[in-house]
Amino acid sequence: MPEPESRVALFPGVEPAAYREPPHNLEAEQALLGAVLINNRAYERVSEFLVPEHFADPVNGRIFEACGRLIDRGQIATPVTLKGMFDQDEALKEVGGATYLVRLAASVVTVINAEDYGREIRDCFLRRQLIEIGETIVNDAFSRDLDSPAPEQIEKAEAHLFNLAEDGQTEGGFTEFKVALTESVAMAEAAFRREGGLAGLSTGLLDLDNLLGGLHSSDLLILAARPAMGKTSLATNIAFNVATANLRDPGQPRQPVAFFSLEMSSEQLATRILAERTNISSEKLRRGQLVDDDFGLLVQASQELERTPIYIDDTPAIPISTLRTRARRLKRQHGLSMIVVDYLQLMRPSPGMRVDNRVQEISMISQGLKAIAKELNVPVVALSQLSRAVEQREDKRPILADLRESGSIEQDADVVMFIFREEYYLQKAEPVQRADESPEKFHDRHEQWMERCEKAYGKAEVIISKQRHGPTGTVTLHFEGATTRFSNYVSEDHIPAH
């Protein structure tokens, strides 16, 4: 007689896998709820890290949530006060209704272990989430979706795991003042011992360091300007100076920099840095207009740059979640001292986030960058575009209101810096003789324009319009247009006599 169809093996020779229940501990859930119903202070011990969704039994989760609502209102949560809330709950009726609440309270032996019960419930929840993520990874890998290639699936899986890891961290809360004070004194001592007395990383630009005190860990710094002002160049200069600061001293730690270039490719960025180091213009490098001496400089510079710990990611329109994942990975594998994002408006919010308008989108991105700075404890320098309103004014020096979608960026940033090069605007404003103007008057106007151009030549202003930890002000830097290099500015009255 043949076996029933339901018992015929789908895969002959392969034993069916034993059914495994997802991790849960109903006894711990009931013990915790009983402890809360007997002594509401037990709720305070677990409410910081436990939420109703963590309970394997939805009924127990609803009871925990109801207890929380009553306690938060200053009322007492007992089987009697909860009875009215659950009279219409069909799920609670199935487990015995109000008598289930009484049984929970009556079965409690001690409330001392309430926190242990809570952590056990949370641990089971995290394990269930891990299983769910694992199943999703397997199913996605089996499906041949052309819109979801394997590298993208890996990034999604990493993002899910890191988000779960964040949820799994129950540390936090209050820090005793003496602990924070000790850290503050240690930072001041380190600044005192460090050359130049900087509390943060040196930008390599003395006047900028003096005003900022260096680049501080966990700060979000916005570097904004109109196109062609040199945002990317200044960010590249600072990144290079940070990355190479300790290379000559083997006893000092490396200072790797993550550079997320959303606008330029990694090759273009490398060409910029080569131009800065060799003093050969980017234009000549791109066109191959080199002489024999240039090749020697290129070889020497490239050998030095090979050791520079700058890591470039040129993924276009990178989501904030992917940036966070890759920055975490880099810190884990190679270390991390600073992140540069070029530039903020080209980023996207995390997948699955509902965004109603562009302002909200930029707000999510700026908040995400600030969160990354705090989590990884490194400065994040994010470049930003300015609105066209600058071009309409006679004085084209930027102000905070010129930031595109400025509200959220200005609010989240610890430092907001603008770059202004008067030379750029003067070059485009060469006087033209008017029909009713005498040659002498035109000559005078042209002479005045020439004088202004001469004064502005090679100068760039970095305007610090907001600084949470220090003063605002303006710093003058030297800018070399051919190699797009910023350096310390030395005024004529400070040039030493020969």
Protein backbone atom coordinates (compact mmCIF):
# COMPACT_ATOMS: atom_id res chain seq x y z
CA MET A 1 0.00 0.00 0.00
CA PRO A 2 1.58 3.38 -1.05
CA GLU A 3 2.33 6.02 1.60
CA PRO A 4 -0.03 8.97 1.86
CA GLU A 5 1.01 11.89 -0.36
CA SER A 6 1.65 14.10 2.67
CA ARG A 7 4.32 11.69 3.92
CA VAL A 8 6.20 11.32 0.63
CA ALA A 9 9.58 13.10 0.86
CA LEU A 10 9.96 16.06 -1.48
CA PHE A 11 13.69 15.36 -1.69
CA PRO A 12 14.44 11.61 -1.45
CA GLY A 13 17.32 10.81 0.89
CA VAL A 14 17.07 14.17 2.72
CA GLU A 15 15.59 14.13 6.21
CA PRO A 16 13.10 16.94 6.89
CA ALA A 17 14.54 19.64 9.18
CA ALA A 18 13.26 19.59 12.73
CA TYR A 19 10.90 22.43 13.55
CA ARG A 20 12.62 25.07 15.69
CA GLU A 21 10.62 27.58 17.65
CA PRO A 22 11.84 31.17 17.54
CA PRO A 23 13.58 32.21 20.80
CA HIS A 24 11.12 33.30 23.47
CA ASN A 25 10.67 33.07 27.22
CA LEU A 26 7.02 33.37 28.21
CA GLU A 27 7.86 32.63 31.86
CA ALA A 28 10.17 35.66 31.97
CA GLU A 29 7.48 37.82 30.35
CA GLN A 30 4.87 36.72 32.88
CA ALA A 31 7.31 37.11 35.79
CA LEU A 32 8.17 40.66 34.71
CA LEU A 33 4.51 41.66 34.29
CA GLY A 34 3.70 40.19 37.70
CA ALA A 35 6.57 42.16 39.24
CA VAL A 36 5.28 45.38 37.64
CA LEU A 37 1.72 44.75 38.85
CA ILE A 38 2.96 44.15 42.41
CA ASN A 39 5.42 47.07 42.48
CA ASN A 40 5.19 49.71 39.75
CA ARG A 41 8.81 50.75 40.38
CA ALA A 42 9.82 47.57 38.56
CA TYR A 43 8.57 49.29 35.40
CA GLU A 44 11.09 52.12 35.86
CA ARG A 45 13.94 49.59 35.91
CA VAL A 46 13.11 48.21 32.47
CA SER A 47 11.23 50.96 30.58
CA GLU A 48 14.48 52.53 29.34
CA PHE A 49 15.39 49.51 27.20
CA LEU A 50 12.18 47.49 26.88
CA VAL A 51 9.17 48.27 24.66
CA PRO A 52 5.94 46.32 24.02
CA GLU A 53 7.21 45.03 20.66
CA HIS A 54 9.94 43.06 22.44
CA PHE A 55 7.41 40.62 23.96
CA ALA A 56 6.94 37.36 22.08
CA ASP A 57 3.30 37.12 23.25
CA PRO A 58 1.39 40.16 21.89
CA VAL A 59 -1.02 39.99 24.85
CA ASN A 60 1.85 40.40 27.29
CA GLY A 61 3.12 43.29 25.17
CA ARG A 62 -0.26 45.03 25.38
CA ILE A 63 -0.39 44.55 29.15
CA PHE A 64 3.11 46.05 29.48
CA GLU A 65 2.08 49.01 27.28
CA ALA A 66 -1.10 49.58 29.33
CA CYS A 67 0.93 49.50 32.57
CA GLY A 68 3.27 52.12 31.09
CA ARG A 69 0.40 54.43 30.09
CA LEU A 70 -1.09 54.35 33.60
CA ILE A 71 2.27 54.81 35.35
CA ASP A 72 3.24 57.70 33.05
CA ARG A 73 -0.05 59.41 34.00
CA GLY A 74 0.85 59.08 37.68
CA GLN A 75 -1.70 56.31 38.33
CA ILE A 76 -1.13 52.86 39.83
CA ALA A 77 -1.13 49.84 37.52
CA THR A 78 -2.83 46.88 39.22
CA PRO A 79 -5.15 44.08 38.02
CA VAL A 80 -8.07 46.21 39.23
CA THR A 81 -7.05 49.43 37.35
CA LEU A 82 -6.20 47.46 34.22
CA LYS A 83 -9.44 45.47 34.18
CA GLY A 84 -11.46 48.22 32.50
CA MET A 85 -8.84 48.63 29.77
CA PHE A 86 -9.05 44.94 28.83
CA ASP A 87 -12.76 44.22 29.14
CA GLN A 88 -13.16 44.44 25.37
CA ASP A 89 -9.84 42.73 24.49
CA GLU A 90 -10.68 39.43 22.79
CA ALA A 91 -7.07 38.20 22.97
CA LEU A 92 -7.02 38.71 26.74
CA LYS A 93 -10.34 36.88 27.08
CA GLU A 94 -8.75 33.86 25.40
CA VAL A 95 -6.12 33.60 28.17
CA GLY A 96 -8.58 34.14 30.99
CA GLY A 97 -9.43 37.83 30.96
CA ALA A 98 -9.01 39.75 34.21
CA THR A 99 -8.21 36.52 36.08
CA TYR A 100 -5.03 36.28 33.96
CA LEU A 101 -3.91 39.65 35.41
CA VAL A 102 -4.64 38.44 38.96
CA ARG A 103 -2.76 35.21 38.29
CA LEU A 104 0.26 37.16 37.04
CA ALA A 105 0.38 39.27 40.19
CA ALA A 106 -0.22 36.30 42.51
CA SER A 107 2.49 34.12 40.99
CA VAL A 108 5.35 36.58 41.59
CA VAL A 109 7.98 35.46 44.05
CA THR A 110 10.27 38.55 43.92
CA VAL A 111 10.52 41.89 42.13
CA ILE A 112 14.29 42.14 42.63
CA ASN A 113 15.00 40.29 39.37
CA ALA A 114 12.72 42.48 37.22
CA GLU A 115 15.66 43.96 35.28
CA ASP A 116 17.06 40.48 34.57
CA TYR A 117 13.65 39.38 33.25
CA GLY A 118 13.56 42.48 31.02
CA ARG A 119 17.00 41.82 29.55
CA GLU A 120 16.07 38.19 28.86
CA ILE A 121 12.93 39.33 26.99
CA ARG A 122 14.98 41.84 24.97
CA ASP A 123 17.65 39.26 24.19
CA CYS A 124 15.03 36.86 22.82
CA PHE A 125 13.58 39.67 20.70
CA LEU A 126 17.01 40.49 19.21
CA ARG A 127 17.55 36.83 18.39
CA ARG A 128 14.18 36.68 16.63
CA GLN A 129 15.14 39.78 14.65
CA LEU A 130 18.45 38.17 13.70
CA ILE A 131 16.59 35.12 12.41
CA GLU A 132 14.25 37.35 10.38
CA ILE A 133 17.18 39.28 8.88
CA GLY A 134 18.93 36.00 8.06
CA GLU A 135 15.83 34.65 6.30
CA THR A 136 15.50 37.89 4.33
CA ILE A 137 19.17 37.73 3.27
CA VAL A 138 18.75 34.11 2.11
CA ASN A 139 15.51 34.82 0.22
CA ASP A 140 16.94 37.94 -1.45
CA ALA A 141 20.06 36.01 -2.47
CA PHE A 142 17.99 33.23 -4.03
CA SER A 143 15.84 35.66 -6.04
CA ARG A 144 17.48 36.78 -9.28
CA ASP A 145 16.33 40.39 -9.12
CA LEU A 146 18.30 42.44 -11.67
CA ASP A 147 17.41 45.65 -9.82
CA SER A 148 19.07 44.34 -6.66
CA PRO A 149 22.63 43.14 -7.45
CA ALA A 150 24.63 41.17 -4.87
CA PRO A 151 26.82 44.11 -3.66
CA GLU A 152 23.67 46.14 -2.97
CA GLN A 153 22.17 43.19 -1.06
CA ILE A 154 25.32 43.00 1.08
CA GLU A 155 25.04 46.70 1.91
CA LYS A 156 21.37 46.30 2.82
CA ALA A 157 22.20 43.32 5.03
CA GLU A 158 24.98 45.30 6.75
CA ALA A 159 22.64 48.24 7.29
CA HIS A 160 20.01 45.96 8.87
CA LEU A 161 22.59 44.35 11.15
CA PHE A 162 24.07 47.68 12.23
CA ASN A 163 20.61 49.08 12.93
CA LEU A 164 19.83 46.01 15.01
CA ALA A 165 23.15 46.43 16.83
CA GLU A 166 22.17 50.02 17.62
CA ASP A 167 18.80 48.88 18.94
CA GLY A 168 20.56 46.22 20.99
CA GLN A 169 22.69 48.72 22.85
CA THR A 170 21.01 49.41 26.16
CA GLU A 171 23.82 51.63 27.44
CA GLY A 172 23.27 55.34 27.65
CA GLY A 173 21.24 57.54 29.93
CA PHE A 174 22.83 59.91 32.41
CA THR A 175 26.57 60.42 32.82
CA GLU A 176 27.74 61.50 36.26
CA PHE A 177 29.18 65.01 36.12
CA LYS A 178 32.55 63.99 37.58
CA VAL A 179 33.00 61.51 34.67
CA ALA A 180 32.28 64.22 32.07
CA LEU A 181 34.56 66.60 34.00
CA THR A 182 37.45 64.11 33.93
CA GLU A 183 37.08 63.74 30.15
CA SER A 184 37.01 67.53 29.71
CA VAL A 185 40.21 68.00 31.76
CA ALA A 186 41.90 65.19 29.79
CA MET A 187 41.00 66.95 26.52
CA ALA A 188 42.41 70.27 27.83
CA GLU A 189 45.61 68.52 28.93
CA ALA A 190 46.00 66.88 25.50
CA ALA A 191 45.53 70.29 23.83
CA PHE A 192 48.11 71.81 26.19
CA ARG A 193 50.68 69.13 25.34
CA ARG A 194 49.95 69.20 21.61
CA GLU A 195 52.02 71.51 19.45
CA GLY A 196 50.05 74.69 18.76
CA GLY A 197 47.67 74.02 21.66
CA LEU A 198 44.85 72.64 19.49
CA ALA A 199 42.02 70.68 21.04
CA GLY A 200 41.11 69.07 17.69
CA LEU A 201 42.77 67.91 14.47
CA SER A 202 44.91 70.49 12.70
CA THR A 203 43.68 71.66 9.30
CA GLY A 204 47.26 72.57 8.35
CA LEU A 205 46.14 76.22 7.96
CA LEU A 206 47.42 78.21 10.95
CA ASP A 207 44.90 81.08 11.02
CA LEU A 208 41.99 78.71 10.53
CA ASP A 209 43.28 76.48 13.34
CA ASN A 210 43.61 79.50 15.64
CA LEU A 211 39.98 80.49 15.10
CA LEU A 212 38.50 76.98 15.20
CA GLY A 213 40.88 75.37 17.67
CA GLY A 214 41.20 72.54 15.16
CA LEU A 215 38.52 70.12 13.99
CA HIS A 216 36.74 68.69 17.04
CA SER A 217 35.53 65.11 17.37
CA SER A 218 31.74 64.60 17.00
CA ASP A 219 31.33 68.02 15.31
CA LEU A 220 29.46 68.58 12.05
CA LEU A 221 31.22 71.31 10.05
CA ILE A 222 29.49 72.79 7.01
CA LEU A 223 31.75 74.28 4.33
CA ALA A 224 29.58 76.21 1.88
CA ALA A 225 30.19 78.37 -1.17
CA ARG A 226 28.96 79.22 -4.64
CA PRO A 227 30.37 77.15 -7.54
CA ALA A 228 34.04 77.86 -8.48
CA MET A 229 34.90 79.29 -5.05
CA GLY A 230 37.05 76.25 -4.18
CA LYS A 231 34.96 74.16 -1.75
CA THR A 232 36.31 70.84 -2.94
CA SER A 233 39.86 72.21 -3.09
CA LEU A 234 39.80 73.45 0.51
CA ALA A 235 38.21 70.21 1.72
CA THR A 236 40.85 68.20 -0.17
CA ASN A 237 43.65 70.34 1.29
CA ILE A 238 42.34 69.85 4.83
CA ALA A 239 41.81 66.10 4.31
CA PHE A 240 45.38 65.73 3.00
CA ASN A 241 46.85 67.75 5.88
CA VAL A 242 44.97 65.67 8.47
CA ALA A 243 45.89 62.35 6.82
CA THR A 244 49.60 63.20 6.55
CA ALA A 245 50.02 64.98 9.91
CA ASN A 246 51.55 61.99 11.72
CA LEU A 247 53.12 60.04 8.85
CA ARG A 248 56.68 61.21 9.54
CA ASP A 249 56.52 60.17 13.21
CA PRO A 250 56.21 56.36 13.60
CA GLY A 251 55.25 56.81 17.25
CA GLN A 252 52.09 58.76 16.39
CA PRO A 253 48.82 57.05 15.39
CA ARG A 254 47.67 57.16 11.77
CA GLN A 255 44.86 59.58 10.95
CA PRO A 256 42.84 57.98 8.12
CA VAL A 257 40.30 60.18 6.33
CA ALA A 258 37.13 58.98 4.57
CA PHE A 259 36.33 61.15 1.54
CA PHE A 260 32.86 60.61 0.06
CA SER A 261 33.04 62.31 -3.36
CA LEU A 262 29.53 62.39 -4.84
CA GLU A 263 30.40 64.88 -7.58
CA MET A 264 33.92 63.97 -8.75
CA SER A 265 35.39 60.55 -9.49
CA SER A 266 38.24 59.19 -7.39
CA GLU A 267 40.63 59.73 -10.34
CA GLN A 268 39.66 63.41 -10.62
CA LEU A 269 40.14 63.86 -6.89
CA ALA A 270 43.54 62.15 -7.03
CA THR A 271 44.51 64.47 -9.93
CA ARG A 272 43.62 67.47 -7.77
CA ILE A 273 45.82 66.26 -4.92
CA LEU A 274 48.66 65.50 -7.36
CA ALA A 275 48.38 69.03 -8.76
CA GLU A 276 48.55 70.51 -5.26
CA ARG A 277 51.60 68.45 -4.30
CA THR A 278 53.58 68.95 -7.54
CA ASN A 279 52.56 72.54 -8.37
CA ILE A 280 51.68 71.30 -11.87
CA SER A 281 48.28 72.64 -12.90
CA SER A 282 45.34 70.24 -13.07
CA GLU A 283 44.77 71.38 -16.65
CA LYS A 284 48.28 70.27 -17.69
CA LEU A 285 47.87 66.93 -15.93
CA ARG A 286 44.55 66.26 -17.65
CA ARG A 287 45.82 67.23 -21.10
CA GLY A 288 49.19 65.55 -20.69
CA GLN A 289 51.03 68.82 -21.38
CA LEU A 290 54.09 67.81 -19.38
CA VAL A 291 57.84 68.29 -19.75
CA ASP A 292 60.56 65.87 -18.65
CA ASP A 293 61.05 67.60 -15.27
CA ASP A 294 57.32 67.22 -14.55
CA PHE A 295 57.54 63.43 -14.74
CA GLY A 296 60.22 63.39 -12.04
CA LEU A 297 57.97 65.50 -9.79
CA LEU A 298 54.99 63.23 -10.52
CA VAL A 299 56.90 60.06 -9.65
CA GLN A 300 58.25 61.54 -6.41
CA ALA A 301 54.83 62.94 -5.37
CA SER A 302 52.98 59.71 -6.21
CA GLN A 303 55.42 57.67 -4.10
CA GLU A 304 54.79 59.98 -1.13
CA LEU A 305 51.02 59.99 -1.69
CA GLU A 306 50.80 56.18 -1.81
CA ARG A 307 51.28 56.11 1.97
CA THR A 308 48.60 58.73 2.59
CA PRO A 309 45.63 57.14 4.42
CA ILE A 310 42.84 58.82 2.41
CA TYR A 311 40.03 56.47 1.38
CA ILE A 312 37.79 57.74 -1.44
CA ASP A 313 34.24 56.56 -2.10
CA ASP A 314 32.85 58.09 -5.30
CA THR A 315 29.41 56.43 -5.24
CA PRO A 316 26.93 58.97 -6.69
CA ALA A 317 23.75 59.83 -4.74
CA ILE A 318 24.85 57.71 -1.78
CA PRO A 319 22.13 57.20 0.89
CA ILE A 320 22.95 58.33 4.43
CA SER A 321 22.54 54.74 5.71
CA THR A 322 25.13 53.42 3.24
CA LEU A 323 27.55 56.21 4.15
CA ARG A 324 27.16 55.30 7.83
CA THR A 325 27.74 51.60 7.11
CA ARG A 326 30.89 52.22 5.07
CA ALA A 327 32.31 54.71 7.57
CA ARG A 328 31.77 52.20 10.39
CA ARG A 329 33.45 49.48 8.35
CA LEU A 330 36.43 51.72 7.58
CA LYS A 331 36.84 52.65 11.24
CA ARG A 332 36.74 48.99 12.21
CA GLN A 333 39.27 47.90 9.56
CA HIS A 334 41.69 50.83 9.26
CA GLY A 335 40.72 53.44 11.86
CA LEU A 336 39.11 56.81 11.14
CA SER A 337 39.94 60.38 12.14
CA MET A 338 37.69 62.48 9.86
CA ILE A 339 34.92 62.22 7.24
CA VAL A 340 34.48 64.58 4.28
CA VAL A 341 31.26 64.64 2.22
CA ASP A 342 31.29 66.43 -1.14
CA TYR A 343 28.57 67.49 -1.20
CA LEU A 344 25.48 67.35 1.03
CA GLN A 345 22.78 68.17 -1.54
CA LEU A 346 23.80 65.19 -3.71
CA MET A 347 23.07 62.68 -0.93
CA ARG A 348 19.82 60.76 -0.45
CA PRO A 349 17.98 59.84 2.74
CA SER A 350 17.96 56.20 3.87
CA PRO A 351 15.82 53.83 1.75
CA GLY A 352 12.29 53.43 3.02
CA MET A 353 12.18 56.88 4.67
CA ARG A 354 9.06 58.85 3.80
CA VAL A 355 10.01 62.31 2.54
CA ASP A 356 7.37 64.92 1.73
CA ASN A 357 9.61 67.69 0.37
CA ARG A 358 13.20 68.67 -0.33
CA VAL A 359 13.60 70.64 2.93
CA GLN A 360 12.61 67.56 4.95
CA GLU A 361 15.00 65.43 2.89
CA ILE A 362 17.95 67.76 3.57
CA SER A 363 16.95 67.87 7.24
CA MET A 364 17.15 64.05 7.46
CA ILE A 365 20.56 64.09 5.78
CA SER A 366 22.05 66.81 8.02
CA GLN A 367 20.67 65.10 11.14
CA GLY A 368 22.10 61.80 9.91
CA LEU A 369 25.56 63.34 9.38
CA LYS A 370 25.52 64.85 12.87
CA ALA A 371 24.51 61.45 14.30
CA ILE A 372 27.42 59.78 12.43
CA ALA A 373 29.86 62.38 13.82
CA LYS A 374 28.69 61.65 17.38
CA GLU A 375 28.55 57.87 16.97
CA LEU A 376 32.01 57.50 15.39
CA ASN A 377 33.45 60.39 17.46
CA VAL A 378 35.09 62.08 14.46
CA PRO A 379 34.59 65.49 12.81
CA VAL A 380 32.41 65.38 9.70
CA VAL A 381 33.09 68.11 7.13
CA ALA A 382 30.12 68.37 4.76
CA LEU A 383 30.27 70.65 1.73
CA SER A 384 27.12 72.54 0.75
CA GLN A 385 25.88 74.64 -2.14
CA LEU A 386 24.58 78.17 -1.65
CA SER A 387 21.45 79.65 -3.18
CA ARG A 388 21.63 82.11 -6.10
CA ALA A 389 20.58 84.95 -3.78
CA VAL A 390 24.29 85.68 -3.27
CA GLU A 391 24.67 86.71 -6.91
CA GLN A 392 21.90 89.30 -6.66
CA ARG A 393 23.63 91.34 -3.93
CA GLU A 394 26.30 93.96 -4.39
CA ASP A 395 28.32 92.47 -1.51
CA LYS A 396 28.58 88.84 -2.49
CA ARG A 397 29.98 87.61 0.82
CA PRO A 398 27.70 84.73 1.90
CA ILE A 399 25.55 84.78 5.02
CA LEU A 400 23.74 81.97 6.87
CA ALA A 401 20.47 82.67 5.08
CA ASP A 402 22.17 81.80 1.77
CA LEU A 403 22.43 78.12 2.69
CA ARG A 404 20.07 76.06 0.56
CA GLU A 405 17.29 74.64 2.77
CA SER A 406 19.24 76.53 5.44
CA GLY A 407 17.05 75.94 8.50
CA SER A 408 18.01 72.36 9.27
CA ILE A 409 21.63 72.62 8.08
CA GLU A 410 22.30 75.70 10.20
CA GLN A 411 20.60 74.12 13.20
CA ASP A 412 22.43 70.77 13.06
CA ALA A 413 25.89 72.18 12.26
CA ASP A 414 28.41 72.98 14.99
CA VAL A 415 30.42 75.15 12.59
CA VAL A 416 29.32 76.90 9.39
CA MET A 417 32.09 78.23 7.12
CA PHE A 418 31.81 80.10 3.83
CA ILE A 419 34.45 80.60 1.14
CA PHE A 420 34.54 83.95 -0.66
CA ARG A 421 37.01 84.94 -3.40
CA GLU A 422 36.56 88.52 -4.54
CA GLU A 423 39.05 87.86 -7.34
CA TYR A 424 36.55 85.52 -9.04
CA TYR A 425 33.82 88.15 -9.19
CA LEU A 426 36.21 90.95 -10.23
CA GLN A 427 37.51 88.93 -13.18
CA LYS A 428 33.96 88.69 -14.50
CA ALA A 429 33.28 92.41 -13.94
CA GLU A 430 35.91 94.03 -16.16
CA PRO A 431 34.61 97.52 -17.08
CA VAL A 432 33.36 98.13 -20.62
CA GLN A 433 33.42 101.65 -22.06
CA ARG A 434 29.94 103.14 -22.27
CA ALA A 435 28.81 105.10 -25.34
CA ASP A 436 28.41 108.36 -23.39
CA GLU A 437 31.67 107.91 -21.42
CA SER A 438 34.89 109.80 -22.18
CA PRO A 439 38.10 107.80 -22.69
CA GLU A 440 39.64 109.49 -19.63
CA LYS A 441 36.77 108.49 -17.34
CA PHE A 442 36.81 104.93 -18.67
CA HIS A 443 40.58 104.81 -18.14
CA ASP A 444 40.13 105.89 -14.50
CA ARG A 445 37.45 103.25 -13.93
CA HIS A 446 39.62 100.57 -15.53
CA GLU A 447 42.60 101.61 -13.39
CA GLN A 448 40.48 101.33 -10.22
CA TRP A 449 39.31 97.89 -11.32
CA MET A 450 42.93 96.83 -11.97
CA GLU A 451 43.93 98.01 -8.48
CA ARG A 452 41.11 96.02 -6.88
CA CYS A 453 42.08 92.94 -8.90
CA GLU A 454 45.69 93.31 -7.77
CA LYS A 455 44.67 93.57 -4.11
CA ALA A 456 42.34 90.56 -4.38
CA TYR A 457 44.76 88.40 -6.39
CA GLY A 458 45.49 85.05 -4.72
CA LYS A 459 43.32 85.82 -1.70
CA ALA A 460 40.44 83.78 -0.32
CA GLU A 461 38.31 84.54 2.72
CA VAL A 462 36.97 81.78 4.95
CA ILE A 463 34.09 83.31 6.88
CA ILE A 464 33.16 81.49 10.13
CA SER A 465 29.51 82.51 10.51
CA LYS A 466 28.63 80.02 13.24
CA GLN A 467 30.77 78.25 15.80
CA ARG A 468 29.15 76.49 18.74
CA HIS A 469 32.38 76.29 20.76
CA GLY A 470 34.13 79.53 19.89
CA PRO A 471 34.13 82.92 18.16
CA THR A 472 33.08 83.78 14.65
CA GLY A 473 35.27 85.76 12.27
CA THR A 474 37.07 85.80 8.93
CA VAL A 475 40.36 84.15 7.99
CA THR A 476 42.37 85.10 4.91
CA LEU A 477 44.08 82.28 2.99
CA HIS A 478 46.28 82.20 -0.09
CA PHE A 479 44.67 80.50 -3.11
CA GLU A 480 46.58 79.33 -6.15
CA GLY A 481 44.10 78.90 -8.99
CA ALA A 482 46.26 76.78 -11.31
CA THR A 483 46.82 74.02 -8.74
CA THR A 484 43.63 74.75 -6.70
CA ARG A 485 45.72 74.89 -3.54
CA PHE A 486 44.92 76.77 -0.33
CA SER A 487 47.80 77.73 1.97
CA ASN A 488 48.63 80.11 4.80
CA TYR A 489 48.39 83.75 3.79
CA VAL A 490 51.30 86.02 4.62
CA SER A 491 50.56 89.74 4.23
CA GLU A 492 53.17 92.04 2.69
CA ASP A 493 53.92 93.74 6.04
CA HIS A 494 54.84 90.33 7.51
CA ILE A 495 57.21 89.24 4.76
CA PRO A 496 60.69 89.25 6.30
CA ALA A 497 63.25 91.55 4.70
CA HIS A 498 66.22 89.92 2.96
